[in-house]
N, C-alpha and C. Protein backbone atom coordinates (compact mmCIF):
# COMPACT_ATOMS: atom_id res chain seq x y z
N MET A 1 109.28 98.73 87.79
CA MET A 1 110.40 98.79 87.44
C MET A 1 110.87 98.84 86.10
N LYS A 2 111.71 99.52 85.68
CA LYS A 2 112.30 99.56 84.16
C LYS A 2 113.79 100.03 84.27
N ILE A 3 114.76 98.91 83.27
CA ILE A 3 116.25 98.92 83.36
C ILE A 3 116.37 99.57 81.99
N LYS A 4 117.17 100.68 81.71
CA LYS A 4 117.43 101.24 80.50
C LYS A 4 119.20 101.47 80.17
N VAL A 5 119.34 101.19 79.03
CA VAL A 5 120.78 101.84 78.87
C VAL A 5 121.23 103.23 79.40
N ALA A 6 121.99 103.42 79.86
CA ALA A 6 123.11 104.65 80.37
C ALA A 6 124.09 104.90 79.52
N SER A 7 124.83 104.16 79.40
CA SER A 7 126.08 104.22 78.39
C SER A 7 126.77 102.68 77.75
N VAL A 8 127.88 102.49 77.45
CA VAL A 8 128.16 101.24 77.21
C VAL A 8 128.39 100.05 77.96
N ASP A 9 129.00 101.08 79.45
CA ASP A 9 129.02 99.97 80.47
C ASP A 9 128.24 100.31 81.61
N SER A 10 126.97 100.92 81.33
CA SER A 10 126.46 101.37 82.55
C SER A 10 124.56 101.27 82.13
N LEU A 11 123.80 101.25 83.47
CA LEU A 11 122.30 101.34 83.19
C LEU A 11 121.87 101.90 84.26
N ILE A 12 120.60 102.39 84.03
CA ILE A 12 119.71 102.85 85.15
C ILE A 12 118.78 102.21 85.51
N ILE A 13 118.02 101.79 86.63
CA ILE A 13 117.02 101.27 86.98
C ILE A 13 116.27 102.06 87.48
N TYR A 14 114.91 102.68 86.71
CA TYR A 14 113.64 103.28 87.27
C TYR A 14 112.78 102.38 88.02
N PHE A 15 112.36 103.42 89.06
CA PHE A 15 110.96 102.83 90.07
C PHE A 15 109.88 103.19 89.76
N ALA A 16 109.94 104.59 89.44
CA ALA A 16 108.66 105.65 89.38
C ALA A 16 109.52 106.82 88.69
N ASP A 17 108.54 107.76 88.45
CA ASP A 17 108.85 108.67 87.24
C ASP A 17 108.83 110.09 88.37
N LYS A 18 108.28 109.82 89.98
CA LYS A 18 108.09 110.88 90.89
C LYS A 18 108.66 110.49 92.20
N ILE A 19 108.98 111.74 93.08
CA ILE A 19 109.79 111.60 94.09
C ILE A 19 108.40 111.34 95.06
N ASP A 20 108.71 110.38 95.89
CA ASP A 20 107.69 109.36 97.02
C ASP A 20 108.51 109.01 97.89
N LYS A 21 107.93 108.83 99.46
CA LYS A 21 108.70 108.29 100.22
C LYS A 21 108.66 106.50 100.17
N ASP A 22 107.59 106.58 99.62
CA ASP A 22 107.43 104.59 99.44
C ASP A 22 108.31 104.16 98.20
N ILE A 23 108.82 105.22 97.21
CA ILE A 23 109.57 104.89 96.26
C ILE A 23 111.12 105.04 96.85
N ALA A 24 111.16 106.01 97.81
CA ALA A 24 112.78 106.29 98.31
C ALA A 24 112.90 104.90 99.25
N LEU A 25 111.90 104.37 99.59
CA LEU A 25 112.18 103.13 100.31
C LEU A 25 112.20 101.59 99.58
N LYS A 26 111.87 101.91 98.30
CA LYS A 26 112.43 100.69 97.12
C LYS A 26 113.65 100.79 96.97
N VAL A 27 114.06 102.26 96.45
CA VAL A 27 115.27 102.36 95.84
C VAL A 27 116.04 102.00 96.94
N LYS A 28 115.70 102.23 98.39
CA LYS A 28 116.99 101.94 99.70
C LYS A 28 117.25 100.62 99.87
N ASN A 29 116.16 99.80 99.53
CA ASN A 29 116.14 98.18 99.85
C ASN A 29 116.53 97.54 98.62
N ALA A 30 116.60 97.68 97.43
CA ALA A 30 117.10 97.48 96.19
C ALA A 30 118.79 97.53 96.16
N TYR A 31 118.89 98.77 96.59
CA TYR A 31 120.61 99.38 96.81
C TYR A 31 121.30 98.33 97.79
N ASN A 32 120.67 98.26 98.83
CA ASN A 32 121.05 97.75 99.72
C ASN A 32 121.35 95.77 99.43
N CYS A 33 120.25 95.54 99.36
CA CYS A 33 120.22 93.91 98.54
C CYS A 33 121.43 93.90 97.52
N LEU A 34 121.61 94.78 96.54
CA LEU A 34 122.53 94.61 95.16
C LEU A 34 123.77 94.73 96.15
N ARG A 35 124.20 95.78 96.94
CA ARG A 35 125.60 95.76 97.47
C ARG A 35 126.03 95.11 98.38
N ASN A 36 124.97 94.36 99.06
CA ASN A 36 125.25 93.23 100.36
C ASN A 36 125.60 92.13 99.39
N LEU A 37 125.15 91.91 98.04
CA LEU A 37 124.93 90.42 97.67
C LEU A 37 126.57 90.71 96.62
N ASN A 38 127.23 91.61 96.55
CA ASN A 38 128.53 91.70 95.85
C ASN A 38 128.77 91.05 94.90
N ILE A 39 127.69 91.37 94.03
CA ILE A 39 127.63 90.63 92.85
C ILE A 39 128.73 90.60 91.54
N GLU A 40 129.58 89.75 91.17
CA GLU A 40 130.89 89.54 90.71
C GLU A 40 130.65 90.72 89.15
N GLY A 41 131.03 92.04 89.07
CA GLY A 41 131.32 92.09 87.63
C GLY A 41 130.57 93.53 87.74
N ILE A 42 129.80 93.67 88.89
CA ILE A 42 129.27 94.91 89.46
C ILE A 42 130.22 96.07 89.66
N ILE A 43 130.76 97.13 89.21
CA ILE A 43 131.67 97.83 89.55
C ILE A 43 130.91 99.23 90.64
N GLU A 44 129.99 99.82 90.14
CA GLU A 44 129.54 100.81 91.24
C GLU A 44 128.19 100.72 91.03
N ILE A 45 127.36 100.86 92.45
CA ILE A 45 125.91 101.10 92.46
C ILE A 45 125.77 102.48 92.90
N VAL A 46 124.93 103.66 92.29
CA VAL A 46 124.97 104.84 93.06
C VAL A 46 122.85 105.01 92.94
N PRO A 47 122.39 105.24 94.38
CA PRO A 47 121.17 105.02 94.10
C PRO A 47 120.69 106.91 94.50
N SER A 48 119.40 107.10 93.66
CA SER A 48 119.19 108.60 93.45
C SER A 48 117.61 108.21 94.24
N TYR A 49 117.16 109.75 93.41
CA TYR A 49 115.61 109.84 94.23
C TYR A 49 114.23 108.92 93.67
N THR A 50 114.95 108.08 92.55
CA THR A 50 113.69 107.26 92.03
C THR A 50 114.35 106.26 91.38
N SER A 51 115.77 106.35 91.27
CA SER A 51 116.36 105.51 90.66
C SER A 51 117.42 104.75 91.18
N ILE A 52 118.25 103.67 90.26
CA ILE A 52 119.58 103.44 90.76
C ILE A 52 120.80 103.38 89.45
N PHE A 53 121.68 104.02 89.72
CA PHE A 53 122.76 103.66 88.65
C PHE A 53 123.63 102.90 89.14
N VAL A 54 124.23 102.19 87.72
CA VAL A 54 124.87 100.77 87.98
C VAL A 54 125.89 101.04 86.55
N THR A 55 127.13 100.78 87.04
CA THR A 55 128.53 100.21 86.34
C THR A 55 128.72 98.98 86.44
N TYR A 56 129.21 98.36 84.98
CA TYR A 56 129.52 96.77 85.48
C TYR A 56 130.30 96.54 84.55
N ASP A 57 131.01 95.04 84.46
CA ASP A 57 132.20 94.74 83.60
C ASP A 57 131.60 94.43 82.29
N ILE A 58 132.04 94.87 81.09
CA ILE A 58 131.23 94.49 79.70
C ILE A 58 131.87 93.51 79.20
N PHE A 59 133.27 92.95 79.92
CA PHE A 59 133.51 91.83 79.52
C PHE A 59 133.08 90.67 80.23
N LYS A 60 132.05 90.76 81.26
CA LYS A 60 131.34 89.54 81.62
C LYS A 60 130.03 89.81 81.33
N TYR A 61 129.56 90.71 81.33
CA TYR A 61 128.05 91.08 81.03
C TYR A 61 127.63 91.64 79.96
N ASP A 62 126.57 91.52 79.09
CA ASP A 62 125.97 92.43 78.02
C ASP A 62 124.83 93.00 78.77
N PHE A 63 124.07 94.00 78.01
CA PHE A 63 123.32 94.60 78.55
C PHE A 63 122.13 93.43 79.12
N GLU A 64 121.58 93.08 78.19
CA GLU A 64 120.68 91.88 78.60
C GLU A 64 121.11 90.89 79.78
N GLU A 65 122.05 90.67 79.96
CA GLU A 65 122.53 89.75 80.76
C GLU A 65 122.87 89.97 81.98
N ILE A 66 123.02 91.43 82.24
CA ILE A 66 123.44 91.94 83.73
C ILE A 66 121.69 92.38 84.02
N SER A 67 120.91 93.01 82.84
CA SER A 67 119.33 93.54 83.35
C SER A 67 119.12 92.28 84.08
N LYS A 68 119.33 91.16 83.58
CA LYS A 68 118.47 90.11 84.15
C LYS A 68 118.62 89.53 85.35
N VAL A 69 120.13 89.64 85.98
CA VAL A 69 120.57 89.29 87.22
C VAL A 69 120.01 90.54 88.08
N LEU A 70 120.29 91.82 87.64
CA LEU A 70 119.45 92.78 88.65
C LEU A 70 118.05 92.75 88.89
N ALA A 71 117.27 92.14 88.06
CA ALA A 71 116.06 92.09 87.99
C ALA A 71 115.31 91.22 88.96
N SER A 72 116.46 89.92 89.02
CA SER A 72 115.60 88.71 89.64
C SER A 72 116.29 88.76 91.10
N ASN A 73 117.29 89.44 91.29
CA ASN A 73 117.90 89.81 92.81
C ASN A 73 117.27 91.01 93.52
N ILE A 74 116.60 91.94 92.55
CA ILE A 74 115.73 93.19 93.11
C ILE A 74 114.24 92.60 93.61
N LYS A 75 113.87 91.88 93.07
CA LYS A 75 112.65 90.95 93.61
C LYS A 75 112.62 90.59 94.66
N GLN A 76 113.89 90.03 95.32
CA GLN A 76 113.82 89.90 96.44
C GLN A 76 114.19 90.95 97.90
N SER A 77 114.34 91.96 97.08
CA SER A 77 114.38 93.26 98.40
C SER A 77 113.25 93.87 98.51
N SER A 78 111.96 93.30 98.16
CA SER A 78 110.65 94.09 98.44
C SER A 78 110.27 93.60 99.94
N THR A 79 110.68 92.31 100.18
CA THR A 79 110.65 91.46 101.57
C THR A 79 111.45 92.11 102.69
N LEU A 80 112.51 92.84 102.14
CA LEU A 80 113.49 93.21 103.47
C LEU A 80 112.48 93.99 104.17
N GLU A 81 112.80 94.22 105.76
CA GLU A 81 112.39 95.02 106.77
C GLU A 81 112.92 96.00 106.38
N ASP A 82 111.98 97.08 106.93
CA ASP A 82 112.13 98.56 106.62
C ASP A 82 112.99 98.90 108.31
N THR A 83 114.32 99.15 107.90
CA THR A 83 115.43 100.08 109.02
C THR A 83 115.33 101.05 109.00
N SER A 84 114.79 101.81 108.37
CA SER A 84 114.55 103.31 108.63
C SER A 84 114.28 104.24 109.71
N LYS A 85 114.68 105.14 109.95
CA LYS A 85 114.69 105.68 111.59
C LYS A 85 114.51 106.70 111.51
N LEU A 86 114.28 107.61 112.83
CA LEU A 86 113.93 109.19 112.82
C LEU A 86 115.21 109.69 113.54
N ILE A 87 115.80 110.43 113.02
CA ILE A 87 117.22 111.15 113.60
C ILE A 87 116.63 112.49 113.84
N THR A 88 117.09 113.02 115.17
CA THR A 88 116.60 114.50 115.99
C THR A 88 118.10 115.15 115.45
N ILE A 89 117.90 116.48 114.96
CA ILE A 89 119.18 116.88 114.98
C ILE A 89 118.96 118.41 115.51
N ASP A 90 119.78 118.60 116.29
CA ASP A 90 120.17 119.93 116.78
C ASP A 90 120.29 120.94 116.33
N VAL A 91 119.74 122.36 116.23
CA VAL A 91 120.21 123.41 115.18
C VAL A 91 119.97 124.84 115.95
N TYR A 92 120.76 125.53 115.62
CA TYR A 92 121.12 126.75 116.30
C TYR A 92 120.74 127.97 115.15
N TYR A 93 119.65 128.59 115.16
CA TYR A 93 118.82 129.13 114.08
C TYR A 93 119.36 130.81 114.25
N GLY A 94 120.76 131.33 115.12
CA GLY A 94 121.35 132.58 115.05
C GLY A 94 121.24 132.91 114.03
N VAL A 95 121.14 134.52 113.77
CA VAL A 95 121.23 135.32 112.62
C VAL A 95 122.88 135.20 112.31
N GLU A 96 123.36 135.21 112.99
CA GLU A 96 125.40 135.01 112.74
C GLU A 96 125.63 133.83 112.03
N VAL A 97 124.69 132.77 112.12
CA VAL A 97 125.08 131.80 111.59
C VAL A 97 123.93 131.28 110.58
N GLY A 98 123.00 132.00 110.54
CA GLY A 98 121.94 131.88 109.58
C GLY A 98 121.82 132.92 108.90
N LEU A 99 123.03 132.69 107.40
CA LEU A 99 123.21 133.98 106.83
C LEU A 99 122.26 134.80 105.98
N ASP A 100 120.89 133.66 105.58
CA ASP A 100 119.75 134.20 104.95
C ASP A 100 118.54 134.40 105.81
N LEU A 101 118.57 134.22 107.37
CA LEU A 101 117.59 134.29 107.51
C LEU A 101 116.75 135.73 107.58
N GLU A 102 117.87 137.01 107.39
CA GLU A 102 117.10 138.20 107.45
C GLU A 102 116.23 138.39 106.30
N ASP A 103 117.35 137.90 104.95
CA ASP A 103 116.60 138.16 103.55
C ASP A 103 115.41 137.43 103.45
N ILE A 104 115.30 136.00 104.27
CA ILE A 104 114.25 134.81 103.84
C ILE A 104 113.04 135.68 104.35
N SER A 105 113.23 136.44 105.63
CA SER A 105 112.18 137.37 106.47
C SER A 105 111.65 138.28 105.51
N LYS A 106 112.61 139.24 104.97
CA LYS A 106 112.41 140.09 104.14
C LYS A 106 111.26 139.57 102.79
N LYS A 107 111.76 138.45 102.28
CA LYS A 107 111.16 137.84 100.89
C LYS A 107 109.78 137.63 101.33
N THR A 108 110.00 136.75 102.43
CA THR A 108 108.34 136.03 102.97
C THR A 108 107.47 136.88 103.64
N THR A 109 108.19 138.20 104.17
CA THR A 109 107.41 138.64 105.46
C THR A 109 107.16 137.84 106.56
N LEU A 110 107.54 136.80 106.71
CA LEU A 110 107.67 136.42 108.08
C LEU A 110 108.55 136.50 109.01
N SER A 111 108.38 136.55 110.44
CA SER A 111 109.35 137.08 111.13
C SER A 111 110.32 135.66 111.26
N ILE A 112 111.54 136.03 111.82
CA ILE A 112 112.78 135.08 112.13
C ILE A 112 112.20 133.74 112.91
N ASP A 113 111.06 133.99 114.15
CA ASP A 113 110.45 133.04 114.70
C ASP A 113 109.99 132.20 114.07
N GLU A 114 109.00 132.67 112.93
CA GLU A 114 108.05 131.95 112.15
C GLU A 114 108.89 130.91 111.47
N ILE A 115 110.33 131.97 110.61
CA ILE A 115 110.54 130.95 109.80
C ILE A 115 111.36 129.71 110.21
N ILE A 116 111.86 129.73 111.65
CA ILE A 116 112.52 128.57 112.77
C ILE A 116 111.02 127.61 112.70
N LYS A 117 109.82 128.03 113.31
CA LYS A 117 108.90 127.19 113.37
C LYS A 117 108.32 126.17 112.29
N LEU A 118 108.33 127.32 111.17
CA LEU A 118 108.15 126.21 109.98
C LEU A 118 108.85 125.21 109.33
N HIS A 119 110.15 125.60 109.83
CA HIS A 119 111.31 124.94 109.55
C HIS A 119 111.48 123.51 110.40
N SER A 120 111.09 123.98 111.69
CA SER A 120 111.57 122.76 112.58
C SER A 120 110.21 121.76 113.26
N GLU A 121 109.19 122.34 112.50
CA GLU A 121 108.09 121.55 113.49
C GLU A 121 107.85 120.31 112.34
N LYS A 122 108.22 120.16 111.29
CA LYS A 122 108.13 119.25 109.95
C LYS A 122 108.77 117.78 110.16
N ILE A 123 108.62 116.57 109.94
CA ILE A 123 109.67 115.70 109.85
C ILE A 123 109.91 115.34 108.31
N TYR A 124 111.06 115.46 107.84
CA TYR A 124 111.58 115.07 106.68
C TYR A 124 111.94 113.76 106.06
N ASP A 125 111.77 113.66 104.80
CA ASP A 125 111.77 112.34 104.58
C ASP A 125 113.33 112.44 103.87
N VAL A 126 114.33 111.56 104.10
CA VAL A 126 115.51 111.48 103.20
C VAL A 126 115.25 111.11 102.19
N TYR A 127 115.11 111.64 100.42
CA TYR A 127 115.21 110.95 99.63
C TYR A 127 116.33 110.62 98.67
N ALA A 128 117.43 111.31 98.66
CA ALA A 128 118.58 110.74 98.15
C ALA A 128 119.87 111.57 98.84
N ILE A 129 121.30 110.75 99.02
CA ILE A 129 122.45 111.39 99.07
C ILE A 129 123.26 111.51 98.69
N GLY A 130 123.82 112.77 98.26
CA GLY A 130 124.63 113.37 97.23
C GLY A 130 125.38 114.42 97.05
N PHE A 131 126.05 114.95 95.99
CA PHE A 131 126.91 116.08 96.13
C PHE A 131 127.78 116.17 96.78
N LEU A 132 127.77 115.69 97.63
CA LEU A 132 129.30 115.64 98.75
C LEU A 132 128.84 114.23 99.38
N PRO A 133 129.57 113.80 100.14
CA PRO A 133 129.14 112.72 100.91
C PRO A 133 128.43 112.79 102.24
N GLY A 134 127.76 112.60 102.42
CA GLY A 134 126.89 112.53 103.71
C GLY A 134 125.99 113.88 103.41
N PHE A 135 125.56 114.31 102.05
CA PHE A 135 124.56 115.42 102.08
C PHE A 135 123.34 115.08 101.67
N ALA A 136 122.19 114.90 102.62
CA ALA A 136 120.91 114.41 102.66
C ALA A 136 120.19 115.15 102.20
N TYR A 137 119.48 114.98 101.07
CA TYR A 137 118.24 115.68 100.40
C TYR A 137 117.21 115.71 100.80
N LEU A 138 116.40 116.62 101.63
CA LEU A 138 115.33 116.48 102.37
C LEU A 138 114.16 116.85 102.28
N ALA A 139 113.01 116.38 101.92
CA ALA A 139 111.65 117.09 101.61
C ALA A 139 110.35 116.93 102.55
N SER A 140 109.51 117.59 102.52
CA SER A 140 109.41 118.83 101.68
C SER A 140 109.31 120.16 102.83
N VAL A 141 109.81 121.18 102.51
CA VAL A 141 109.82 122.22 103.31
C VAL A 141 108.44 122.73 103.13
N ASP A 142 107.64 123.46 104.03
CA ASP A 142 106.39 124.16 103.86
C ASP A 142 106.48 125.35 103.13
N GLU A 143 105.55 125.18 102.07
CA GLU A 143 105.66 126.41 100.96
C GLU A 143 105.83 127.96 101.43
N LYS A 144 105.76 128.07 102.21
CA LYS A 144 105.88 129.42 102.89
C LYS A 144 107.07 129.86 103.08
N ILE A 145 108.23 128.79 103.03
CA ILE A 145 109.61 128.81 103.33
C ILE A 145 110.42 128.44 101.76
N ALA A 146 109.56 127.95 100.58
CA ALA A 146 110.17 127.01 99.71
C ALA A 146 110.89 128.43 98.90
N LEU A 147 112.19 128.40 98.87
CA LEU A 147 112.60 129.64 97.97
C LEU A 147 113.74 129.13 97.08
N PRO A 148 114.36 129.62 96.34
CA PRO A 148 114.77 129.29 95.30
C PRO A 148 116.26 129.36 95.60
N ARG A 149 117.17 128.84 95.00
CA ARG A 149 118.47 128.73 95.24
C ARG A 149 119.15 130.32 95.12
N LEU A 150 120.09 130.51 95.50
CA LEU A 150 120.71 132.00 95.49
C LEU A 150 121.12 132.16 94.28
N SER A 151 121.16 133.42 93.66
CA SER A 151 121.69 133.61 92.02
C SER A 151 122.96 133.59 91.81
N SER A 152 123.79 133.90 93.01
CA SER A 152 125.29 133.93 92.85
C SER A 152 125.59 132.73 93.98
N PRO A 153 126.01 131.89 93.92
CA PRO A 153 126.27 130.66 95.14
C PRO A 153 127.27 131.36 95.52
N ARG A 154 127.51 130.99 97.06
CA ARG A 154 128.57 131.36 97.77
C ARG A 154 130.08 130.68 97.48
N LYS A 155 131.28 131.00 97.62
CA LYS A 155 132.24 130.01 97.40
C LYS A 155 132.47 129.34 98.43
N GLN A 156 132.09 129.66 100.02
CA GLN A 156 132.31 128.81 100.93
C GLN A 156 131.33 128.81 101.92
N ILE A 157 130.65 127.56 102.32
CA ILE A 157 129.71 127.44 102.90
C ILE A 157 130.13 126.89 104.15
N PRO A 158 130.20 127.08 105.62
CA PRO A 158 130.39 126.39 106.58
C PRO A 158 129.95 125.18 106.62
N LYS A 159 130.82 124.03 107.11
CA LYS A 159 129.89 122.68 107.63
C LYS A 159 128.96 123.08 108.71
N GLY A 160 128.16 122.12 108.55
CA GLY A 160 127.32 122.28 109.44
C GLY A 160 125.68 123.07 108.92
N SER A 161 125.83 123.97 107.95
CA SER A 161 125.05 124.86 107.87
C SER A 161 123.54 124.11 107.37
N VAL A 162 122.65 124.57 107.87
CA VAL A 162 121.16 124.18 107.54
C VAL A 162 120.48 125.25 106.39
N SER A 163 120.24 124.26 105.31
CA SER A 163 119.86 125.44 104.41
C SER A 163 118.60 124.67 103.31
N ILE A 164 117.95 125.76 102.91
CA ILE A 164 116.92 125.54 101.83
C ILE A 164 116.89 125.82 100.32
N ALA A 165 116.26 125.10 99.47
CA ALA A 165 116.76 125.15 98.30
C ALA A 165 115.44 124.69 97.52
N ASP A 166 114.30 125.66 97.21
CA ASP A 166 112.93 125.14 96.84
C ASP A 166 112.52 124.36 97.70
N THR A 167 111.64 123.16 97.70
CA THR A 167 111.17 122.29 98.41
C THR A 167 111.90 121.67 99.18
N GLN A 168 112.98 121.74 99.13
CA GLN A 168 114.17 120.80 99.92
C GLN A 168 114.64 121.55 101.05
N THR A 169 115.23 121.06 102.16
CA THR A 169 116.05 121.05 103.00
C THR A 169 117.60 120.31 103.17
N ALA A 170 118.72 120.75 103.62
CA ALA A 170 119.60 120.03 103.71
C ALA A 170 120.70 120.38 104.79
N VAL A 171 121.61 119.76 104.86
CA VAL A 171 123.00 120.09 105.79
C VAL A 171 124.14 120.41 104.88
N TYR A 172 125.13 121.13 105.18
CA TYR A 172 126.35 120.90 104.28
C TYR A 172 127.22 119.71 105.34
N PRO A 173 127.58 118.42 104.67
CA PRO A 173 128.33 118.02 105.55
C PRO A 173 129.77 118.30 105.86
N GLN A 174 129.97 119.06 104.95
CA GLN A 174 131.47 119.76 105.11
C GLN A 174 131.67 120.88 104.40
N ALA A 175 132.82 121.92 104.56
CA ALA A 175 132.73 123.33 104.04
C ALA A 175 132.79 123.11 102.54
N SER A 176 132.02 123.56 101.73
CA SER A 176 132.25 123.46 100.36
C SER A 176 131.47 124.86 99.59
N PRO A 177 131.75 125.11 98.26
CA PRO A 177 130.91 125.89 98.07
C PRO A 177 129.18 125.69 97.65
N GLY A 178 128.33 126.70 97.86
CA GLY A 178 126.80 126.23 97.67
C GLY A 178 125.97 127.55 97.42
N GLY A 179 125.02 127.05 96.89
CA GLY A 179 123.91 128.28 96.58
C GLY A 179 122.69 128.30 97.22
N TRP A 180 122.76 127.06 98.41
CA TRP A 180 121.47 127.17 99.20
C TRP A 180 121.38 128.09 100.10
N ASN A 181 120.08 128.63 100.55
CA ASN A 181 119.72 129.52 101.33
C ASN A 181 119.89 129.27 102.84
N ILE A 182 120.81 129.81 103.41
CA ILE A 182 121.23 129.16 104.93
C ILE A 182 120.59 129.64 106.11
N ILE A 183 119.72 129.04 107.20
CA ILE A 183 119.16 129.63 108.18
C ILE A 183 119.74 128.96 109.72
N GLY A 184 120.64 128.29 109.46
CA GLY A 184 121.26 127.93 110.76
C GLY A 184 122.38 126.68 110.68
N ARG A 185 123.03 126.18 111.97
CA ARG A 185 123.93 125.66 111.82
C ARG A 185 123.86 124.65 113.07
N THR A 186 124.59 123.02 112.59
CA THR A 186 124.66 122.36 113.38
C THR A 186 125.62 121.60 113.75
N ALA A 187 125.84 121.01 114.99
CA ALA A 187 127.33 120.33 115.34
C ALA A 187 127.01 118.50 115.04
N PHE A 188 125.95 118.55 114.63
CA PHE A 188 125.45 116.67 114.20
C PHE A 188 126.64 116.46 112.73
N GLU A 189 127.39 115.31 112.89
CA GLU A 189 128.25 115.34 112.21
C GLU A 189 127.54 114.25 110.91
N PHE A 190 127.11 114.76 109.84
CA PHE A 190 126.71 113.97 108.59
C PHE A 190 127.59 113.21 108.01
N PHE A 191 129.15 113.56 108.21
CA PHE A 191 129.83 112.49 107.12
C PHE A 191 130.73 111.97 108.23
N ASP A 192 130.99 110.51 108.20
CA ASP A 192 131.85 110.14 109.10
C ASP A 192 132.43 108.73 108.33
N LYS A 193 133.72 108.74 108.58
CA LYS A 193 134.66 108.17 107.69
C LYS A 193 134.66 106.70 107.95
N SER A 194 134.33 106.43 109.73
CA SER A 194 134.23 105.13 110.17
C SER A 194 133.12 104.31 109.54
N LEU A 195 132.02 104.89 108.94
CA LEU A 195 130.99 103.87 108.48
C LEU A 195 131.00 103.73 106.93
N GLU A 196 130.83 102.55 106.67
CA GLU A 196 130.69 102.35 105.04
C GLU A 196 129.89 102.90 104.22
N SER A 197 128.63 103.76 104.74
CA SER A 197 128.08 104.29 103.67
C SER A 197 128.11 105.66 104.04
N LEU A 198 129.40 106.47 104.84
CA LEU A 198 130.13 107.51 105.22
C LEU A 198 129.12 108.55 105.80
N SER A 199 127.86 107.91 106.48
CA SER A 199 127.11 108.67 106.97
C SER A 199 126.10 108.18 107.94
N PRO A 200 125.80 108.44 109.22
CA PRO A 200 124.69 107.96 109.43
C PRO A 200 123.52 108.12 109.49
N ILE A 201 123.18 108.57 108.20
CA ILE A 201 121.89 108.99 107.62
C ILE A 201 121.88 108.19 106.18
N CYS A 202 120.23 107.60 105.89
CA CYS A 202 120.17 106.55 104.80
C CYS A 202 119.17 107.08 103.98
N VAL A 203 118.98 106.98 102.56
CA VAL A 203 117.90 107.17 101.91
C VAL A 203 116.80 106.36 102.91
N ALA A 204 115.78 107.34 102.67
CA ALA A 204 114.63 106.68 103.37
C ALA A 204 114.20 106.85 104.95
N ASP A 205 114.94 107.40 105.49
CA ASP A 205 115.39 107.63 106.93
C ASP A 205 114.56 109.04 107.37
N ARG A 206 113.98 109.67 108.59
CA ARG A 206 113.36 110.77 108.27
C ARG A 206 114.34 111.75 109.69
N VAL A 207 114.21 112.85 109.10
CA VAL A 207 114.85 113.53 110.03
C VAL A 207 113.61 114.87 110.60
N LYS A 208 114.08 115.43 111.78
CA LYS A 208 113.51 116.39 112.49
C LYS A 208 114.34 117.44 113.20
N PHE A 209 114.32 118.89 112.95
CA PHE A 209 114.93 119.55 113.41
C PHE A 209 114.78 120.06 114.68
N ASN A 210 115.63 120.20 115.86
CA ASN A 210 115.56 120.60 117.06
C ASN A 210 116.35 122.02 117.25
N PRO A 211 115.25 123.19 117.40
CA PRO A 211 115.69 124.56 117.62
C PRO A 211 116.78 124.44 119.39
N ILE A 212 117.88 125.03 119.01
CA ILE A 212 118.73 124.77 120.45
C ILE A 212 119.21 126.43 120.51
N SER A 213 119.81 126.50 121.82
CA SER A 213 120.33 128.09 122.17
C SER A 213 122.03 128.14 121.28
N LYS A 214 122.33 129.29 121.56
CA LYS A 214 123.57 129.52 121.10
C LYS A 214 124.38 128.78 122.10
N GLU A 215 123.90 128.99 123.52
CA GLU A 215 125.17 127.90 124.31
C GLU A 215 125.16 126.38 124.42
N GLU A 216 123.71 126.18 123.85
CA GLU A 216 123.97 124.81 123.81
C GLU A 216 124.49 124.17 122.62
N PHE A 217 124.27 125.25 121.02
CA PHE A 217 125.10 124.91 120.01
C PHE A 217 126.35 125.19 120.74
N LEU A 218 127.11 125.47 121.11
CA LEU A 218 128.68 125.76 121.70
C LEU A 218 128.93 124.64 122.63
N LYS A 219 128.22 124.29 123.33
CA LYS A 219 128.46 123.02 124.01
C LYS A 219 128.67 121.96 123.43
N GLN A 220 127.87 121.68 122.28
CA GLN A 220 128.03 120.42 121.71
C GLN A 220 129.25 120.53 120.61
N GLY A 221 129.75 121.62 120.69
CA GLY A 221 131.06 121.51 119.87
C GLY A 221 130.82 122.47 118.52
N GLY A 222 129.65 122.85 118.59
CA GLY A 222 129.77 123.98 117.21
C GLY A 222 130.60 125.14 116.99
N VAL A 223 130.51 125.67 116.06
CA VAL A 223 131.78 126.83 116.01
C VAL A 223 130.93 127.90 114.81
N LEU A 224 130.91 129.28 115.94
CA LEU A 224 130.52 130.06 115.08
C LEU A 224 131.46 131.12 113.89
């Protein structure tokens, strides 16, 4: 673990230089530990793939002082119980909601059924939450369907859109602009204002996508 200056009132705690699910768990435990301690003078704590960004009150701490406080408390986080969970998410992979399914099929020479199978048969690790509240970055998709972002992002992606970009997959928790390849849609709520974390999914959790029919999707409250 390394702690480095980010700006006059912020720092970054680095746990590793590569994405790994064990590192994601360390980041999650350290983040939960620091957040639950509610240390006076800590303004904001933001977890990422392999690090945690922290802003602090410069009238209470200098860099050396806050580094010692954080390091001593993070050591305790290694003993925390692993509370990560497996979450199954129902997805309708129809072409009317999978806006890029046909294009992906052409680019990869895979049938749509093969694309759905490759995407849904894996269990994905949650490495980070960002971009939008509840936007979970999941990895890694099968290399056969790992595709770059769109050359021209869409102005509006429907809420619940299941997507792929490079080796990652994600679900848009709200309608928003975006440049990921859209392959389906879910009625699962990734953004929940009633939760402190704003999402039922956390870093180090695991996600499994389950293909469902259009009828079941609509029954669950899905919108075409």
